[in-house]
Amino acid sequence: MSERVARCQCGGFTATVTGQPEMIVMCNCDACQRRSGSPFGSGAFFQNANVVLSGERKSFGRPTDSGKTLTNHFCPNCGTNLAWEAEIRPGYTGVAVGAFADANFPPPTVVLYDDNRHKWIAPPAGARIVPGGRAR
């Protein structure tokens, strides 16, 4: 089984994952733009049993459009938002794709909040496009 390690900038907080992600998302919502400091956030969702979070971290929960909570886990030293859990997707942990620092990581399979996507960014070929929020 393949293993990947995502790291924060300082290396103090890691997410070790095994297997392939269940879903890879490109999210264009305002919250992901602010969370990532980028025009979109990209996360790979793994079953909780396939994710080990290690190191010091802090967490921040916020309500989503669904009314459910999304909890971000970030490094208290360098501030990298490395992983998150969404109450609307129990049993899964999202891991920031960029934190794997792997140019060969598979592309997003779903684009969320496409209506909010910066028009100079093209969605990945073949991805399912969702105008608003949750991918079912």
Protein backbone atom coordinates (compact mmCIF):
# COMPACT_ATOMS: atom_id res chain seq x y z
CA MET A 1 0.00 0.00 0.00
CA SER A 2 1.38 3.42 -0.92
CA GLU A 3 2.25 5.93 1.79
CA ARG A 4 2.50 9.70 1.45
CA VAL A 5 3.50 12.32 4.00
CA ALA A 6 2.16 15.87 3.98
CA ARG A 7 4.15 18.39 6.05
CA CYS A 8 3.70 21.92 7.29
CA GLN A 9 6.37 24.48 6.38
CA CYS A 10 8.42 23.93 9.54
CA GLY A 11 7.93 20.14 9.59
CA GLY A 12 6.40 20.10 13.07
CA PHE A 13 2.97 18.83 11.96
CA THR A 14 2.52 15.96 9.51
CA ALA A 15 -0.22 13.87 7.98
CA THR A 16 0.83 10.38 6.93
CA VAL A 17 -1.69 8.74 4.61
CA THR A 18 -1.91 5.28 3.11
CA GLY A 19 -3.76 4.21 0.00
CA GLN A 20 -5.41 6.42 -2.54
CA PRO A 21 -7.70 9.33 -1.71
CA GLU A 22 -11.44 8.73 -2.01
CA MET A 23 -11.89 12.15 -3.61
CA ILE A 24 -9.69 15.10 -4.58
CA VAL A 25 -11.41 18.47 -4.50
CA MET A 26 -10.69 21.92 -5.90
CA CYS A 27 -12.84 24.25 -3.79
CA ASN A 28 -13.42 27.84 -4.85
CA CYS A 29 -15.52 28.98 -1.88
CA ASP A 30 -14.52 32.20 -0.10
CA ALA A 31 -13.55 30.28 3.06
CA CYS A 32 -11.10 28.01 1.19
CA GLN A 33 -9.64 31.01 -0.59
CA ARG A 34 -9.01 32.68 2.75
CA ARG A 35 -7.81 29.44 4.40
CA SER A 36 -5.28 28.75 1.68
CA GLY A 37 -4.34 32.30 0.68
CA SER A 38 -4.89 31.12 -2.89
CA PRO A 39 -7.76 31.50 -5.38
CA PHE A 40 -8.86 27.97 -4.41
CA GLY A 41 -8.15 25.22 -1.92
CA SER A 42 -7.26 21.70 -2.98
CA GLY A 43 -7.79 18.77 -0.65
CA ALA A 44 -7.52 15.01 -0.86
CA PHE A 45 -10.02 13.10 1.28
CA PHE A 46 -8.90 9.87 2.91
CA GLN A 47 -10.79 7.55 5.24
CA ASN A 48 -9.84 8.38 8.83
CA ALA A 49 -8.35 4.91 9.30
CA ASN A 50 -5.80 5.78 6.58
CA VAL A 51 -4.63 9.08 8.13
CA VAL A 52 -2.25 9.65 11.03
CA LEU A 53 -1.83 13.26 12.17
CA SER A 54 1.38 13.80 14.16
CA GLY A 55 2.94 16.71 15.93
CA GLU A 56 1.74 19.85 17.63
CA ARG A 57 -1.34 21.47 16.13
CA LYS A 58 -4.19 23.79 16.86
CA SER A 59 -7.71 23.56 15.53
CA PHE A 60 -10.28 26.08 14.35
CA GLY A 61 -13.92 25.20 13.69
CA ARG A 62 -16.25 27.25 11.54
CA PRO A 63 -19.80 26.83 10.23
CA THR A 64 -20.21 25.91 6.56
CA ASP A 65 -23.00 26.77 4.14
CA SER A 66 -24.71 23.51 5.15
CA GLY A 67 -24.84 24.64 8.78
CA LYS A 68 -22.40 21.88 9.75
CA THR A 69 -18.93 22.50 11.22
CA LEU A 70 -15.62 22.22 9.39
CA THR A 71 -12.58 21.94 11.67
CA ASN A 72 -9.20 23.00 10.30
CA HIS A 73 -6.00 21.67 11.88
CA PHE A 74 -2.94 23.85 11.53
CA CYS A 75 0.62 24.15 12.80
CA PRO A 76 0.87 26.64 15.69
CA ASN A 77 4.46 27.49 14.70
CA CYS A 78 4.32 28.17 10.95
CA GLY A 79 0.55 28.45 10.47
CA THR A 80 0.18 25.85 7.70
CA ASN A 81 -3.40 24.54 7.45
CA LEU A 82 -2.57 20.90 6.84
CA ALA A 83 -5.78 18.95 7.41
CA TRP A 84 -9.47 19.30 8.15
CA GLU A 85 -12.56 17.36 9.08
CA ALA A 86 -16.03 18.23 7.85
CA GLU A 87 -19.04 17.25 9.94
CA ILE A 88 -20.91 16.80 6.66
CA ARG A 89 -18.38 14.10 5.59
CA PRO A 90 -17.96 11.94 8.71
CA GLY A 91 -15.23 9.33 8.67
CA TYR A 92 -12.95 11.30 6.34
CA THR A 93 -10.02 13.67 6.75
CA GLY A 94 -9.08 16.20 4.10
CA VAL A 95 -5.37 16.84 3.59
CA ALA A 96 -4.01 19.88 1.72
CA VAL A 97 -2.68 18.60 -1.60
CA GLY A 98 0.09 21.21 -1.70
CA ALA A 99 1.47 19.96 1.62
CA PHE A 100 2.48 16.70 -0.08
CA ALA A 101 4.87 18.75 -2.28
CA ASP A 102 4.37 16.15 -5.03
CA ALA A 103 4.01 17.49 -8.57
CA ASN A 104 2.70 14.05 -9.62
CA PHE A 105 -0.19 14.03 -7.14
CA PRO A 106 -3.42 13.20 -9.01
CA PRO A 107 -5.54 16.19 -10.10
CA PRO A 108 -8.86 17.15 -8.53
CA THR A 109 -11.82 14.99 -9.55
CA VAL A 110 -14.44 17.47 -8.30
CA VAL A 111 -14.62 21.28 -8.53
CA LEU A 112 -16.80 22.87 -5.85
CA TYR A 113 -18.25 26.38 -5.90
CA ASP A 114 -17.40 26.71 -9.58
CA ASP A 115 -19.62 29.82 -9.72
CA ASN A 116 -17.03 31.45 -7.45
CA ARG A 117 -13.95 30.26 -9.41
CA HIS A 118 -11.54 32.93 -10.61
CA LYS A 119 -12.16 32.91 -14.35
CA TRP A 120 -8.44 32.84 -15.19
CA ILE A 121 -8.17 29.41 -13.55
CA ALA A 122 -9.31 26.46 -15.64
CA PRO A 123 -10.90 23.46 -13.93
CA PRO A 124 -9.04 20.18 -14.42
CA ALA A 125 -10.04 18.21 -17.52
CA GLY A 126 -12.60 15.55 -16.70
CA ALA A 127 -13.45 16.90 -13.23
CA ARG A 128 -17.08 16.96 -12.14
CA ILE A 129 -18.15 20.60 -11.88
CA VAL A 130 -20.47 21.61 -9.02
CA PRO A 131 -21.74 25.22 -9.29
CA GLY A 132 -22.27 25.54 -5.54
CA GLY A 133 -21.21 23.47 -2.58
CA ARG A 134 -21.21 19.86 -1.51
CA ALA A 135 -20.25 17.02 -3.82
CA ARG A 136 -22.52 14.07 -3.10
